[in-house]
Amino acid sequence: MEKLGRFFERLFEKHKLVRRLLVLWSVSLLTWGILKVFSDLTLVTAAVTTALATVTALLTAVLGFYQWSREHEDKQP
């Protein structure tokens, strides 16, 4: 069980897996949304525009978390 704990600690702390997966997920979601919207412009409604803005804001929040987490990590000895 101790090996598993060290594995997860190394995975999340040393390799920064969570931060990178969050950024990858949010960029993928935004890319998918933009491709769907701009592949057929007849789909653009107020609701679709709101959803696309929300996904864009999600990417902004994830990038903000990423920067905050990196700065926090750099301050630790």
Protein backbone atom coordinates (compact mmCIF):
# COMPACT_ATOMS: atom_id res chain seq x y z
CA MET A 1 0.00 0.00 0.00
CA GLU A 2 2.93 2.32 0.67
CA LYS A 3 4.18 1.84 -2.89
CA LEU A 4 0.78 2.84 -4.24
CA GLY A 5 0.83 5.97 -2.08
CA ARG A 6 4.30 6.92 -3.34
CA PHE A 7 3.18 6.26 -6.91
CA PHE A 8 0.22 8.63 -6.61
CA GLU A 9 2.31 11.24 -4.81
CA ARG A 10 4.90 11.14 -7.59
CA LEU A 11 2.18 11.19 -10.24
CA PHE A 12 0.39 14.22 -8.83
CA GLU A 13 3.27 16.15 -7.26
CA LYS A 14 6.35 15.41 -9.31
CA HIS A 15 4.77 14.97 -12.73
CA LYS A 16 1.96 17.48 -12.29
CA LEU A 17 -0.50 15.14 -13.96
CA VAL A 18 -3.65 16.77 -12.65
CA ARG A 19 -2.76 20.25 -13.88
CA ARG A 20 -1.78 19.02 -17.30
CA LEU A 21 -4.84 16.83 -17.71
CA LEU A 22 -7.10 19.74 -16.72
CA VAL A 23 -5.50 21.98 -19.32
CA LEU A 24 -5.68 19.26 -21.96
CA TRP A 25 -9.33 18.55 -21.14
CA SER A 26 -10.37 22.20 -21.26
CA VAL A 27 -8.50 22.89 -24.51
CA SER A 28 -10.02 19.77 -26.07
CA LEU A 29 -13.50 20.77 -24.95
CA LEU A 30 -13.09 24.27 -26.36
CA THR A 31 -11.70 22.95 -29.64
CA TRP A 32 -14.56 20.48 -30.00
CA GLY A 33 -17.12 23.20 -29.27
CA ILE A 34 -15.64 25.63 -31.77
CA LEU A 35 -15.45 22.97 -34.48
CA LYS A 36 -19.09 22.01 -33.87
CA VAL A 37 -20.31 25.60 -33.95
CA PHE A 38 -18.35 26.75 -36.97
CA SER A 39 -18.95 23.60 -39.03
CA ASP A 40 -22.62 24.52 -39.33
CA LEU A 41 -23.38 28.19 -38.74
CA THR A 42 -27.14 27.55 -38.75
CA LEU A 43 -26.65 26.06 -35.28
CA VAL A 44 -25.64 29.40 -33.80
CA THR A 45 -28.34 30.56 -31.41
CA ALA A 46 -28.27 32.51 -28.18
CA ALA A 47 -28.00 29.28 -26.20
CA VAL A 48 -25.10 27.99 -28.29
CA THR A 49 -23.30 31.32 -27.95
CA THR A 50 -23.77 31.23 -24.18
CA ALA A 51 -22.48 27.66 -23.99
CA LEU A 52 -19.42 28.54 -26.08
CA ALA A 53 -18.70 31.54 -23.85
CA THR A 54 -19.01 29.30 -20.79
CA VAL A 55 -16.55 26.79 -22.22
CA THR A 56 -14.15 29.65 -23.01
CA ALA A 57 -14.49 30.91 -19.43
CA LEU A 58 -13.79 27.38 -18.21
CA LEU A 59 -10.49 27.38 -20.09
CA THR A 60 -9.66 30.75 -18.54
CA ALA A 61 -10.38 29.41 -15.06
CA VAL A 62 -8.28 26.29 -15.63
CA LEU A 63 -5.35 28.34 -16.90
CA GLY A 64 -5.67 30.63 -13.89
CA PHE A 65 -5.61 27.61 -11.58
CA TYR A 66 -2.58 26.26 -13.44
CA GLN A 67 -0.66 29.52 -13.01
CA TRP A 68 -1.65 29.84 -9.36
CA SER A 69 -0.60 26.27 -8.66
CA ARG A 70 2.78 26.73 -10.37
CA GLU A 71 3.47 29.94 -8.46
CA HIS A 72 2.45 28.26 -5.21
CA GLU A 73 4.75 25.35 -5.97
CA ASP A 74 7.68 27.65 -6.78
CA LYS A 75 7.36 29.37 -3.39
CA GLN A 76 7.66 26.07 -1.52
CA PRO A 77 11.18 25.05 -0.50
